[in-house]
PDB file of all heavy atoms in Angstrom:
ATOM      1  N   VAL A   1      23.394 -56.236  21.828  1.00  0.00           N
ATOM      2  CA  VAL A   1      23.345 -57.575  21.237  1.00  0.00           C
ATOM      3  C   VAL A   1      24.590 -57.830  20.387  1.00  0.00           C
ATOM      4  O   VAL A   1      25.242 -58.870  20.470  1.00  0.00           O
ATOM      5  CB  VAL A   1      22.074 -57.746  20.377  1.00  0.00           C
ATOM      6  CG1 VAL A   1      22.079 -59.074  19.640  1.00  0.00           C
ATOM      7  CG2 VAL A   1      20.822 -57.642  21.247  1.00  0.00           C
ATOM      8  N   ARG A   2      24.946 -56.862  19.578  1.00  0.00           N
ATOM      9  CA  ARG A   2      26.151 -56.960  18.737  1.00  0.00           C
ATOM     10  C   ARG A   2      27.399 -57.186  19.577  1.00  0.00           C
ATOM     11  O   ARG A   2      28.256 -58.009  19.260  1.00  0.00           O
ATOM     12  CB  ARG A   2      26.272 -55.707  17.913  1.00  0.00           C
ATOM     13  CG  ARG A   2      27.481 -55.597  16.986  1.00  0.00           C
ATOM     14  CD  ARG A   2      27.311 -56.421  15.727  1.00  0.00           C
ATOM     15  NE  ARG A   2      27.939 -57.726  15.843  1.00  0.00           N
ATOM     16  CZ  ARG A   2      27.912 -58.633  14.902  1.00  0.00           C
ATOM     17  NH1 ARG A   2      27.249 -58.409  13.776  1.00  0.00           N
ATOM     18  NH2 ARG A   2      28.493 -59.803  15.040  1.00  0.00           N
ATOM     19  N   GLY A   3      27.492 -56.478  20.723  1.00  0.00           N
ATOM     20  CA  GLY A   3      28.621 -56.636  21.609  1.00  0.00           C
ATOM     21  C   GLY A   3      28.694 -58.006  22.203  1.00  0.00           C
ATOM     22  O   GLY A   3      29.773 -58.606  22.360  1.00  0.00           O
ATOM     23  N   ARG A   4      27.538 -58.571  22.609  1.00  0.00           N
ATOM     24  CA  ARG A   4      27.495 -59.927  23.160  1.00  0.00           C
ATOM     25  C   ARG A   4      28.023 -60.961  22.135  1.00  0.00           C
ATOM     26  O   ARG A   4      28.769 -61.850  22.463  1.00  0.00           O
ATOM     27  CB  ARG A   4      26.075 -60.309  23.535  1.00  0.00           C
ATOM     28  CG  ARG A   4      25.670 -59.958  24.947  1.00  0.00           C
ATOM     29  CD  ARG A   4      26.295 -60.911  25.955  1.00  0.00           C
ATOM     30  NE  ARG A   4      26.149 -60.461  27.311  1.00  0.00           N
ATOM     31  CZ  ARG A   4      25.714 -61.244  28.306  1.00  0.00           C
ATOM     32  NH1 ARG A   4      25.360 -62.493  28.076  1.00  0.00           N
ATOM     33  NH2 ARG A   4      25.651 -60.785  29.524  1.00  0.00           N
ATOM     34  N   CYS A   5      27.627 -60.775  20.890  1.00  0.00           N
ATOM     35  CA  CYS A   5      28.058 -61.704  19.860  1.00  0.00           C
ATOM     36  C   CYS A   5      29.562 -61.560  19.577  1.00  0.00           C
ATOM     37  O   CYS A   5      30.259 -62.568  19.419  1.00  0.00           O
ATOM     38  CB  CYS A   5      27.264 -61.462  18.585  1.00  0.00           C
ATOM     39  SG  CYS A   5      25.518 -61.874  18.709  1.00  0.00           S
ATOM     40  N   ASP A   6      30.043 -60.336  19.547  1.00  0.00           N
ATOM     41  CA  ASP A   6      31.463 -60.096  19.273  1.00  0.00           C
ATOM     42  C   ASP A   6      32.351 -60.553  20.421  1.00  0.00           C
ATOM     43  O   ASP A   6      33.409 -61.157  20.204  1.00  0.00           O
ATOM     44  CB  ASP A   6      31.706 -58.599  19.017  1.00  0.00           C
ATOM     45  CG  ASP A   6      31.092 -58.124  17.699  1.00  0.00           C
ATOM     46  OD1 ASP A   6      30.785 -58.960  16.851  1.00  0.00           O
ATOM     47  OD2 ASP A   6      30.921 -56.897  17.563  1.00  0.00           O
ATOM     48  N   ASN A   7      31.940 -60.278  21.657  1.00  0.00           N
ATOM     49  CA  ASN A   7      32.799 -60.496  22.822  1.00  0.00           C
ATOM     50  C   ASN A   7      32.619 -61.866  23.469  1.00  0.00           C
ATOM     51  O   ASN A   7      33.575 -62.377  24.080  1.00  0.00           O
ATOM     52  CB  ASN A   7      32.565 -59.400  23.863  1.00  0.00           C
ATOM     53  CG  ASN A   7      32.844 -58.021  23.324  1.00  0.00           C
ATOM     54  OD1 ASN A   7      33.749 -57.819  22.516  1.00  0.00           O
ATOM     55  ND2 ASN A   7      32.047 -57.028  23.748  1.00  0.00           N
ATOM     56  N   GLN A   8      31.405 -62.441  23.421  1.00  0.00           N
ATOM     57  CA  GLN A   8      31.164 -63.706  24.083  1.00  0.00           C
ATOM     58  C   GLN A   8      30.704 -64.807  23.127  1.00  0.00           C
ATOM     59  O   GLN A   8      30.308 -65.878  23.554  1.00  0.00           O
ATOM     60  CB  GLN A   8      30.131 -63.492  25.181  1.00  0.00           C
ATOM     61  CG  GLN A   8      30.564 -62.506  26.255  1.00  0.00           C
ATOM     62  CD  GLN A   8      29.611 -62.445  27.437  1.00  0.00           C
ATOM     63  OE1 GLN A   8      28.962 -63.446  27.775  1.00  0.00           O
ATOM     64  NE2 GLN A   8      29.530 -61.293  28.081  1.00  0.00           N
ATOM     65  N   LYS A   9      30.782 -64.523  21.841  1.00  0.00           N
ATOM     66  CA  LYS A   9      30.466 -65.524  20.796  1.00  0.00           C
ATOM     67  C   LYS A   9      29.065 -66.088  20.964  1.00  0.00           C
ATOM     68  O   LYS A   9      28.812 -67.281  20.701  1.00  0.00           O
ATOM     69  CB  LYS A   9      31.509 -66.649  20.766  1.00  0.00           C
ATOM     70  CG  LYS A   9      32.920 -66.148  20.477  1.00  0.00           C
ATOM     71  CD  LYS A   9      32.945 -65.332  19.191  1.00  0.00           C
ATOM     72  CE  LYS A   9      34.309 -64.737  18.913  1.00  0.00           C
ATOM     73  NZ  LYS A   9      34.334 -63.828  17.750  1.00  0.00           N
ATOM     74  N   VAL A  10      28.130 -65.243  21.372  1.00  0.00           N
ATOM     75  CA  VAL A  10      26.726 -65.604  21.386  1.00  0.00           C
ATOM     76  C   VAL A  10      26.206 -65.576  19.952  1.00  0.00           C
ATOM     77  O   VAL A  10      26.706 -64.821  19.132  1.00  0.00           O
ATOM     78  CB  VAL A  10      25.942 -64.603  22.278  1.00  0.00           C
ATOM     79  CG1 VAL A  10      24.442 -64.720  22.092  1.00  0.00           C
ATOM     80  CG2 VAL A  10      26.310 -64.797  23.748  1.00  0.00           C
ATOM     81  N   ALA A  11      25.241 -66.437  19.663  1.00  0.00           N
ATOM     82  CA  ALA A  11      24.546 -66.391  18.392  1.00  0.00           C
ATOM     83  C   ALA A  11      23.211 -65.690  18.604  1.00  0.00           C
ATOM     84  O   ALA A  11      22.464 -66.037  19.509  1.00  0.00           O
ATOM     85  CB  ALA A  11      24.308 -67.808  17.847  1.00  0.00           C
ATOM     86  N   ALA A  12      22.922 -64.696  17.770  1.00  0.00           N
ATOM     87  CA  ALA A  12      21.694 -63.915  17.942  1.00  0.00           C
ATOM     88  C   ALA A  12      20.887 -63.909  16.642  1.00  0.00           C
ATOM     89  O   ALA A  12      21.461 -63.840  15.565  1.00  0.00           O
ATOM     90  CB  ALA A  12      21.987 -62.490  18.387  1.00  0.00           C
ATOM     91  N   LEU A  13      19.576 -63.934  16.781  1.00  0.00           N
ATOM     92  CA  LEU A  13      18.673 -63.798  15.649  1.00  0.00           C
ATOM     93  C   LEU A  13      17.599 -62.804  16.029  1.00  0.00           C
ATOM     94  O   LEU A  13      17.034 -62.890  17.119  1.00  0.00           O
ATOM     95  CB  LEU A  13      18.032 -65.140  15.282  1.00  0.00           C
ATOM     96  CG  LEU A  13      17.015 -65.155  14.149  1.00  0.00           C
ATOM     97  CD1 LEU A  13      17.061 -66.466  13.383  1.00  0.00           C
ATOM     98  CD2 LEU A  13      15.592 -64.927  14.668  1.00  0.00           C
ATOM     99  N   PHE A  14      17.361 -61.818  15.171  1.00  0.00           N
ATOM    100  CA  PHE A  14      16.273 -60.895  15.462  1.00  0.00           C
ATOM    101  C   PHE A  14      15.373 -60.728  14.248  1.00  0.00           C
ATOM    102  O   PHE A  14      15.828 -60.687  13.095  1.00  0.00           O
ATOM    103  CB  PHE A  14      16.785 -59.541  15.976  1.00  0.00           C
ATOM    104  CG  PHE A  14      17.484 -58.648  14.988  1.00  0.00           C
ATOM    105  CD1 PHE A  14      16.831 -57.582  14.397  1.00  0.00           C
ATOM    106  CD2 PHE A  14      18.822 -58.840  14.688  1.00  0.00           C
ATOM    107  CE1 PHE A  14      17.469 -56.736  13.499  1.00  0.00           C
ATOM    108  CE2 PHE A  14      19.503 -57.987  13.802  1.00  0.00           C
ATOM    109  CZ  PHE A  14      18.805 -56.953  13.212  1.00  0.00           C
ATOM    110  N   VAL A  15      14.070 -60.690  14.553  1.00  0.00           N
ATOM    111  CA  VAL A  15      13.048 -60.435  13.537  1.00  0.00           C
ATOM    112  C   VAL A  15      12.782 -58.963  13.508  1.00  0.00           C
ATOM    113  O   VAL A  15      12.630 -58.307  14.560  1.00  0.00           O
ATOM    114  CB  VAL A  15      11.747 -61.210  13.897  1.00  0.00           C
ATOM    115  CG1 VAL A  15      10.600 -60.780  12.962  1.00  0.00           C
ATOM    116  CG2 VAL A  15      11.969 -62.728  13.802  1.00  0.00           C
ATOM    117  N   THR A  16      12.736 -58.379  12.309  1.00  0.00           N
ATOM    118  CA  THR A  16      12.512 -56.934  12.211  1.00  0.00           C
ATOM    119  C   THR A  16      11.832 -56.570  10.902  1.00  0.00           C
ATOM    120  O   THR A  16      11.977 -57.295   9.900  1.00  0.00           O
ATOM    121  CB  THR A  16      13.844 -56.166  12.355  1.00  0.00           C
ATOM    122  OG1 THR A  16      13.583 -54.757  12.306  1.00  0.00           O
ATOM    123  CG2 THR A  16      14.804 -56.529  11.216  1.00  0.00           C
ATOM    124  N   HIS A  17      11.111 -55.454  10.955  1.00  0.00           N
ATOM    125  CA  HIS A  17      10.585 -54.863   9.713  1.00  0.00           C
ATOM    126  C   HIS A  17      11.515 -53.777   9.185  1.00  0.00           C
ATOM    127  O   HIS A  17      11.282 -53.267   8.099  1.00  0.00           O
ATOM    128  CB  HIS A  17       9.178 -54.276   9.963  1.00  0.00           C
ATOM    129  CG  HIS A  17       8.095 -55.286  10.067  1.00  0.00           C
ATOM    130  ND1 HIS A  17       7.626 -55.974   8.952  1.00  0.00           N
ATOM    131  CD2 HIS A  17       7.422 -55.772  11.115  1.00  0.00           C
ATOM    132  CE1 HIS A  17       6.664 -56.813   9.341  1.00  0.00           C
ATOM    133  NE2 HIS A  17       6.534 -56.718  10.638  1.00  0.00           N
ATOM    134  N   ASP A  18      12.514 -53.429   9.970  1.00  0.00           N
ATOM    135  CA  ASP A  18      13.419 -52.341   9.594  1.00  0.00           C
ATOM    136  C   ASP A  18      14.599 -52.899   8.811  1.00  0.00           C
ATOM    137  O   ASP A  18      15.558 -53.432   9.399  1.00  0.00           O
ATOM    138  CB  ASP A  18      13.885 -51.599  10.848  1.00  0.00           C
ATOM    139  CG  ASP A  18      14.557 -50.282  10.524  1.00  0.00           C
ATOM    140  OD1 ASP A  18      15.329 -50.247   9.546  1.00  0.00           O
ATOM    141  OD2 ASP A  18      14.324 -49.294  11.247  1.00  0.00           O
ATOM    142  N   ILE A  19      14.554 -52.764   7.516  1.00  0.00           N
ATOM    143  CA  ILE A  19      15.601 -53.335   6.655  1.00  0.00           C
ATOM    144  C   ILE A  19      16.941 -52.692   6.932  1.00  0.00           C
ATOM    145  O   ILE A  19      17.987 -53.360   6.928  1.00  0.00           O
ATOM    146  CB  ILE A  19      15.216 -53.155   5.184  1.00  0.00           C
ATOM    147  CG1 ILE A  19      13.934 -53.894   4.866  1.00  0.00           C
ATOM    148  CG2 ILE A  19      16.321 -53.646   4.262  1.00  0.00           C
ATOM    149  CD1 ILE A  19      13.396 -53.675   3.464  1.00  0.00           C
ATOM    150  N   ASN A  20      16.974 -51.386   7.212  1.00  0.00           N
ATOM    151  CA  ASN A  20      18.229 -50.724   7.428  1.00  0.00           C
ATOM    152  C   ASN A  20      18.888 -51.130   8.764  1.00  0.00           C
ATOM    153  O   ASN A  20      20.105 -51.186   8.844  1.00  0.00           O
ATOM    154  CB  ASN A  20      18.038 -49.203   7.368  1.00  0.00           C
ATOM    155  CG  ASN A  20      17.786 -48.740   5.932  1.00  0.00           C
ATOM    156  OD1 ASN A  20      18.477 -49.130   5.009  1.00  0.00           O
ATOM    157  ND2 ASN A  20      16.762 -47.904   5.741  1.00  0.00           N
ATOM    158  N   LEU A  21      18.093 -51.431   9.777  1.00  0.00           N
ATOM    159  CA  LEU A  21      18.662 -51.971  10.993  1.00  0.00           C
ATOM    160  C   LEU A  21      19.276 -53.352  10.748  1.00  0.00           C
ATOM    161  O   LEU A  21      20.337 -53.668  11.263  1.00  0.00           O
ATOM    162  CB  LEU A  21      17.590 -52.083  12.084  1.00  0.00           C
ATOM    163  CG  LEU A  21      17.253 -50.820  12.888  1.00  0.00           C
ATOM    164  CD1 LEU A  21      16.151 -51.123  13.891  1.00  0.00           C
ATOM    165  CD2 LEU A  21      18.474 -50.269  13.592  1.00  0.00           C
ATOM    166  N   ALA A  22      18.588 -54.141   9.963  1.00  0.00           N
ATOM    167  CA  ALA A  22      19.139 -55.459   9.618  1.00  0.00           C
ATOM    168  C   ALA A  22      20.450 -55.331   8.873  1.00  0.00           C
ATOM    169  O   ALA A  22      21.425 -56.019   9.147  1.00  0.00           O
ATOM    170  CB  ALA A  22      18.117 -56.228   8.762  1.00  0.00           C
ATOM    171  N   ALA A  23      20.501 -54.389   7.931  1.00  0.00           N
ATOM    172  CA  ALA A  23      21.735 -54.163   7.147  1.00  0.00           C
ATOM    173  C   ALA A  23      22.876 -53.686   8.030  1.00  0.00           C
ATOM    174  O   ALA A  23      24.036 -54.058   7.815  1.00  0.00           O
ATOM    175  CB  ALA A  23      21.468 -53.162   6.047  1.00  0.00           C
ATOM    176  N   GLN A  24      22.553 -52.856   9.027  1.00  0.00           N
ATOM    177  CA  GLN A  24      23.568 -52.234   9.868  1.00  0.00           C
ATOM    178  C   GLN A  24      24.151 -53.200  10.879  1.00  0.00           C
ATOM    179  O   GLN A  24      25.345 -53.168  11.162  1.00  0.00           O
ATOM    180  CB  GLN A  24      22.962 -51.032  10.584  1.00  0.00           C
ATOM    181  CG  GLN A  24      24.021 -50.135  11.262  1.00  0.00           C
ATOM    182  CD  GLN A  24      24.864 -49.346  10.268  1.00  0.00           C
ATOM    183  OE1 GLN A  24      24.413 -49.053   9.170  1.00  0.00           O
ATOM    184  NE2 GLN A  24      26.091 -49.064  10.655  1.00  0.00           N
ATOM    185  N   PHE A  25      23.335 -54.103  11.451  1.00  0.00           N
ATOM    186  CA  PHE A  25      23.778 -54.913  12.579  1.00  0.00           C
ATOM    187  C   PHE A  25      23.974 -56.374  12.285  1.00  0.00           C
ATOM    188  O   PHE A  25      24.604 -57.080  13.065  1.00  0.00           O
ATOM    189  CB  PHE A  25      22.762 -54.760  13.738  1.00  0.00           C
ATOM    190  CG  PHE A  25      22.842 -53.439  14.444  1.00  0.00           C
ATOM    191  CD1 PHE A  25      21.978 -52.394  14.100  1.00  0.00           C
ATOM    192  CD2 PHE A  25      23.790 -53.202  15.446  1.00  0.00           C
ATOM    193  CE1 PHE A  25      22.059 -51.161  14.736  1.00  0.00           C
ATOM    194  CE2 PHE A  25      23.848 -51.974  16.080  1.00  0.00           C
ATOM    195  CZ  PHE A  25      23.005 -50.952  15.724  1.00  0.00           C
ATOM    196  N   ALA A  26      23.414 -56.885  11.198  1.00  0.00           N
ATOM    197  CA  ALA A  26      23.422 -58.326  10.963  1.00  0.00           C
ATOM    198  C   ALA A  26      24.589 -58.764  10.094  1.00  0.00           C
ATOM    199  O   ALA A  26      25.033 -58.060   9.190  1.00  0.00           O
ATOM    200  CB  ALA A  26      22.114 -58.762  10.317  1.00  0.00           C
ATOM    201  N   ASP A  27      25.088 -59.953  10.401  1.00  0.00           N
ATOM    202  CA  ASP A  27      26.083 -60.619   9.538  1.00  0.00           C
ATOM    203  C   ASP A  27      25.375 -61.391   8.424  1.00  0.00           C
ATOM    204  O   ASP A  27      25.901 -61.509   7.309  1.00  0.00           O
ATOM    205  CB  ASP A  27      26.928 -61.585  10.353  1.00  0.00           C
ATOM    206  CG  ASP A  27      27.665 -60.935  11.491  1.00  0.00           C
ATOM    207  OD1 ASP A  27      28.589 -60.143  11.232  1.00  0.00           O
ATOM    208  OD2 ASP A  27      27.293 -61.176  12.655  1.00  0.00           O
ATOM    209  N   VAL A  28      24.198 -61.929   8.766  1.00  0.00           N
ATOM    210  CA  VAL A  28      23.392 -62.719   7.814  1.00  0.00           C
ATOM    211  C   VAL A  28      21.976 -62.200   7.805  1.00  0.00           C
ATOM    212  O   VAL A  28      21.415 -61.876   8.871  1.00  0.00           O
ATOM    213  CB  VAL A  28      23.383 -64.197   8.242  1.00  0.00           C
ATOM    214  CG1 VAL A  28      22.500 -65.026   7.282  1.00  0.00           C
ATOM    215  CG2 VAL A  28      24.793 -64.774   8.257  1.00  0.00           C
ATOM    216  N   VAL A  29      21.407 -62.055   6.619  1.00  0.00           N
ATOM    217  CA  VAL A  29      20.004 -61.652   6.471  1.00  0.00           C
ATOM    218  C   VAL A  29      19.239 -62.783   5.793  1.00  0.00           C
ATOM    219  O   VAL A  29      19.669 -63.291   4.743  1.00  0.00           O
ATOM    220  CB  VAL A  29      19.882 -60.377   5.631  1.00  0.00           C
ATOM    221  CG1 VAL A  29      18.402 -60.076   5.328  1.00  0.00           C
ATOM    222  CG2 VAL A  29      20.500 -59.192   6.389  1.00  0.00           C
ATOM    223  N   LEU A  30      18.134 -63.197   6.405  1.00  0.00           N
ATOM    224  CA  LEU A  30      17.199 -64.141   5.805  1.00  0.00           C
ATOM    225  C   LEU A  30      15.976 -63.387   5.377  1.00  0.00           C
ATOM    226  O   LEU A  30      15.270 -62.814   6.204  1.00  0.00           O
ATOM    227  CB  LEU A  30      16.842 -65.257   6.825  1.00  0.00           C
ATOM    228  CG  LEU A  30      15.759 -66.232   6.384  1.00  0.00           C
ATOM    229  CD1 LEU A  30      16.249 -67.086   5.242  1.00  0.00           C
ATOM    230  CD2 LEU A  30      15.348 -67.132   7.559  1.00  0.00           C
ATOM    231  N   LEU A  31      15.728 -63.345   4.097  1.00  0.00           N
ATOM    232  CA  LEU A  31      14.579 -62.666   3.531  1.00  0.00           C
ATOM    233  C   LEU A  31      13.486 -63.687   3.219  1.00  0.00           C
ATOM    234  O   LEU A  31      13.719 -64.615   2.439  1.00  0.00           O
ATOM    235  CB  LEU A  31      14.979 -61.891   2.284  1.00  0.00           C
ATOM    236  CG  LEU A  31      13.911 -61.147   1.484  1.00  0.00           C
ATOM    237  CD1 LEU A  31      13.228 -60.110   2.374  1.00  0.00           C
ATOM    238  CD2 LEU A  31      14.527 -60.467   0.274  1.00  0.00           C
ATOM    239  N   MET A  32      12.279 -63.474   3.838  1.00  0.00           N
ATOM    240  CA  MET A  32      11.205 -64.444   3.688  1.00  0.00           C
ATOM    241  C   MET A  32       9.994 -63.806   3.018  1.00  0.00           C
ATOM    242  O   MET A  32       9.754 -62.621   3.150  1.00  0.00           O
ATOM    243  CB  MET A  32      10.776 -65.015   5.036  1.00  0.00           C
ATOM    244  CG  MET A  32      11.834 -65.849   5.740  1.00  0.00           C
ATOM    245  SD  MET A  32      11.251 -66.480   7.368  1.00  0.00           S
ATOM    246  CE  MET A  32       9.920 -67.575   6.835  1.00  0.00           C
ATOM    247  N   LYS A  33       9.214 -64.647   2.337  1.00  0.00           N
ATOM    248  CA  LYS A  33       7.929 -64.269   1.807  1.00  0.00           C
ATOM    249  C   LYS A  33       7.065 -65.508   1.705  1.00  0.00           C
ATOM    250  O   LYS A  33       7.508 -66.547   1.247  1.00  0.00           O
ATOM    251  CB  LYS A  33       8.048 -63.600   0.429  1.00  0.00           C
ATOM    252  CG  LYS A  33       6.733 -63.129  -0.163  1.00  0.00           C
ATOM    253  CD  LYS A  33       6.902 -62.484  -1.520  1.00  0.00           C
ATOM    254  CE  LYS A  33       5.581 -61.972  -2.069  1.00  0.00           C
ATOM    255  NZ  LYS A  33       5.740 -61.353  -3.422  1.00  0.00           N
ATOM    256  N   ASP A  34       5.818 -65.412   2.152  1.00  0.00           N
ATOM    257  CA  ASP A  34       4.867 -66.516   2.102  1.00  0.00           C
ATOM    258  C   ASP A  34       5.431 -67.785   2.718  1.00  0.00           C
ATOM    259  O   ASP A  34       5.210 -68.898   2.233  1.00  0.00           O
ATOM    260  CB  ASP A  34       4.468 -66.805   0.653  1.00  0.00           C
ATOM    261  CG  ASP A  34       3.738 -65.628   0.013  1.00  0.00           C
ATOM    262  OD1 ASP A  34       3.061 -64.889   0.750  1.00  0.00           O
ATOM    263  OD2 ASP A  34       3.870 -65.432  -1.225  1.00  0.00           O
ATOM    264  N   GLY A  35       6.172 -67.619   3.844  1.00  0.00           N
ATOM    265  CA  GLY A  35       6.665 -68.784   4.560  1.00  0.00           C
ATOM    266  C   GLY A  35       7.916 -69.417   4.002  1.00  0.00           C
ATOM    267  O   GLY A  35       8.360 -70.452   4.509  1.00  0.00           O
ATOM    268  N   ARG A  36       8.486 -68.855   2.964  1.00  0.00           N
ATOM    269  CA  ARG A  36       9.645 -69.456   2.317  1.00  0.00           C
ATOM    270  C   ARG A  36      10.815 -68.490   2.257  1.00  0.00           C
ATOM    271  O   ARG A  36      10.650 -67.283   2.323  1.00  0.00           O
ATOM    272  CB  ARG A  36       9.295 -69.889   0.876  1.00  0.00           C
ATOM    273  CG  ARG A  36       8.210 -70.994   0.838  1.00  0.00           C
ATOM    274  CD  ARG A  36       7.872 -71.365  -0.629  1.00  0.00           C
ATOM    275  NE  ARG A  36       6.866 -72.411  -0.681  1.00  0.00           N
ATOM    276  CZ  ARG A  36       7.150 -73.711  -0.650  1.00  0.00           C
ATOM    277  NH1 ARG A  36       8.418 -74.102  -0.562  1.00  0.00           N
ATOM    278  NH2 ARG A  36       6.196 -74.596  -0.710  1.00  0.00           N
ATOM    279  N   THR A  37      11.987 -69.058   2.108  1.00  0.00           N
ATOM    280  CA  THR A  37      13.204 -68.259   1.945  1.00  0.00           C
ATOM    281  C   THR A  37      13.250 -67.709   0.523  1.00  0.00           C
ATOM    282  O   THR A  37      13.141 -68.457  -0.455  1.00  0.00           O
ATOM    283  CB  THR A  37      14.463 -69.097   2.203  1.00  0.00           C
ATOM    284  OG1 THR A  37      14.421 -69.573   3.544  1.00  0.00           O
ATOM    285  CG2 THR A  37      15.705 -68.265   1.989  1.00  0.00           C
ATOM    286  N   VAL A  38      13.436 -66.397   0.410  1.00  0.00           N
ATOM    287  CA  VAL A  38      13.657 -65.782  -0.912  1.00  0.00           C
ATOM    288  C   VAL A  38      15.147 -65.671  -1.153  1.00  0.00           C
ATOM    289  O   VAL A  38      15.660 -66.037  -2.199  1.00  0.00           O
ATOM    290  CB  VAL A  38      12.992 -64.405  -0.959  1.00  0.00           C
ATOM    291  CG1 VAL A  38      13.284 -63.722  -2.293  1.00  0.00           C
ATOM    292  CG2 VAL A  38      11.483 -64.528  -0.768  1.00  0.00           C
ATOM    293  N   GLU A  39      15.863 -65.115  -0.180  1.00  0.00           N
ATOM    294  CA  GLU A  39      17.322 -65.011  -0.255  1.00  0.00           C
ATOM    295  C   GLU A  39      17.876 -65.151   1.155  1.00  0.00           C
ATOM    296  O   GLU A  39      17.221 -64.804   2.142  1.00  0.00           O
ATOM    297  CB  GLU A  39      17.751 -63.660  -0.804  1.00  0.00           C
ATOM    298  CG  GLU A  39      17.377 -63.383  -2.243  1.00  0.00           C
ATOM    299  CD  GLU A  39      18.390 -63.968  -3.235  1.00  0.00           C
ATOM    300  OE1 GLU A  39      19.449 -64.425  -2.763  1.00  0.00           O
ATOM    301  OE2 GLU A  39      18.120 -63.943  -4.450  1.00  0.00           O
ATOM    302  N   SER A  40      19.120 -65.633   1.263  1.00  0.00           N
ATOM    303  CA  SER A  40      19.795 -65.712   2.542  1.00  0.00           C
ATOM    304  C   SER A  40      21.286 -65.539   2.311  1.00  0.00           C
ATOM    305  O   SER A  40      21.864 -66.136   1.413  1.00  0.00           O
ATOM    306  CB  SER A  40      19.536 -67.079   3.224  1.00  0.00           C
ATOM    307  OG  SER A  40      20.178 -67.147   4.487  1.00  0.00           O
ATOM    308  N   GLY A  41      21.903 -64.664   3.125  1.00  0.00           N
ATOM    309  CA  GLY A  41      23.335 -64.441   2.990  1.00  0.00           C
ATOM    310  C   GLY A  41      23.730 -63.093   3.573  1.00  0.00           C
ATOM    311  O   GLY A  41      23.030 -62.528   4.406  1.00  0.00           O
ATOM    312  N   ARG A  42      24.870 -62.594   3.152  1.00  0.00           N
ATOM    313  CA  ARG A  42      25.328 -61.327   3.666  1.00  0.00           C
ATOM    314  C   ARG A  42      24.378 -60.201   3.202  1.00  0.00           C
ATOM    315  O   ARG A  42      23.771 -60.300   2.124  1.00  0.00           O
ATOM    316  CB  ARG A  42      26.734 -61.028   3.161  1.00  0.00           C
ATOM    317  CG  ARG A  42      27.792 -62.023   3.643  1.00  0.00           C
ATOM    318  CD  ARG A  42      29.164 -61.675   3.056  1.00  0.00           C
ATOM    319  NE  ARG A  42      29.100 -61.644   1.583  1.00  0.00           N
ATOM    320  CZ  ARG A  42      30.098 -61.254   0.818  1.00  0.00           C
ATOM    321  NH1 ARG A  42      31.218 -60.794   1.361  1.00  0.00           N
ATOM    322  NH2 ARG A  42      29.958 -61.266  -0.511  1.00  0.00           N
ATOM    323  N   PRO A  43      24.262 -59.144   3.996  1.00  0.00           N
ATOM    324  CA  PRO A  43      23.362 -58.060   3.623  1.00  0.00           C
ATOM    325  C   PRO A  43      23.603 -57.532   2.227  1.00  0.00           C
ATOM    326  O   PRO A  43      22.648 -57.237   1.485  1.00  0.00           O
ATOM    327  CB  PRO A  43      23.633 -56.993   4.672  1.00  0.00           C
ATOM    328  CG  PRO A  43      24.072 -57.773   5.890  1.00  0.00           C
ATOM    329  CD  PRO A  43      24.851 -58.927   5.358  1.00  0.00           C
ATOM    330  N   THR A  44      24.866 -57.389   1.830  1.00  0.00           N
ATOM    331  CA  THR A  44      25.165 -56.858   0.486  1.00  0.00           C
ATOM    332  C   THR A  44      24.686 -57.780  -0.614  1.00  0.00           C
ATOM    333  O   THR A  44      24.395 -57.342  -1.728  1.00  0.00           O
ATOM    334  CB  THR A  44      26.660 -56.610   0.326  1.00  0.00           C
ATOM    335  OG1 THR A  44      27.395 -57.772   0.714  1.00  0.00           O
ATOM    336  CG2 THR A  44      27.128 -55.422   1.191  1.00  0.00           C
ATOM    337  N   ASP A  45      24.600 -59.093  -0.324  1.00  0.00           N
ATOM    338  CA  ASP A  45      24.162 -60.049  -1.347  1.00  0.00           C
ATOM    339  C   ASP A  45      22.637 -60.146  -1.400  1.00  0.00           C
ATOM    340  O   ASP A  45      22.072 -60.421  -2.465  1.00  0.00           O
ATOM    341  CB  ASP A  45      24.748 -61.442  -1.021  1.00  0.00           C
ATOM    342  CG  ASP A  45      26.266 -61.462  -1.127  1.00  0.00           C
ATOM    343  OD1 ASP A  45      26.814 -60.681  -1.925  1.00  0.00           O
ATOM    344  OD2 ASP A  45      26.891 -62.275  -0.422  1.00  0.00           O
ATOM    345  N   VAL A  46      21.969 -59.957  -0.247  1.00  0.00           N
ATOM    346  CA  VAL A  46      20.533 -60.162  -0.179  1.00  0.00           C
ATOM    347  C   VAL A  46      19.763 -58.879  -0.501  1.00  0.00           C
ATOM    348  O   VAL A  46      18.718 -58.934  -1.202  1.00  0.00           O
ATOM    349  CB  VAL A  46      20.135 -60.650   1.230  1.00  0.00           C
ATOM    350  CG1 VAL A  46      18.625 -60.695   1.398  1.00  0.00           C
ATOM    351  CG2 VAL A  46      20.745 -62.025   1.504  1.00  0.00           C
ATOM    352  N   LEU A  47      20.242 -57.742  -0.016  1.00  0.00           N
ATOM    353  CA  LEU A  47      19.457 -56.500  -0.134  1.00  0.00           C
ATOM    354  C   LEU A  47      19.751 -55.799  -1.462  1.00  0.00           C
ATOM    355  O   LEU A  47      20.344 -54.735  -1.535  1.00  0.00           O
ATOM    356  CB  LEU A  47      19.800 -55.593   1.056  1.00  0.00           C
ATOM    357  CG  LEU A  47      19.543 -56.228   2.428  1.00  0.00           C
ATOM    358  CD1 LEU A  47      19.927 -55.253   3.541  1.00  0.00           C
ATOM    359  CD2 LEU A  47      18.096 -56.657   2.574  1.00  0.00           C
TER     360      LEU A  47
END
């Protein structure tokens, strides 16, 4: 998925319970609770 985004400029979104996978592969992390956004931004800013 990361390669597709880097090489073909695809936009990807994945839902996960694994915070470390999100930190490792994502450019943007959306953190949600109770249906609302808690934080959104770069992994270093959100996590």
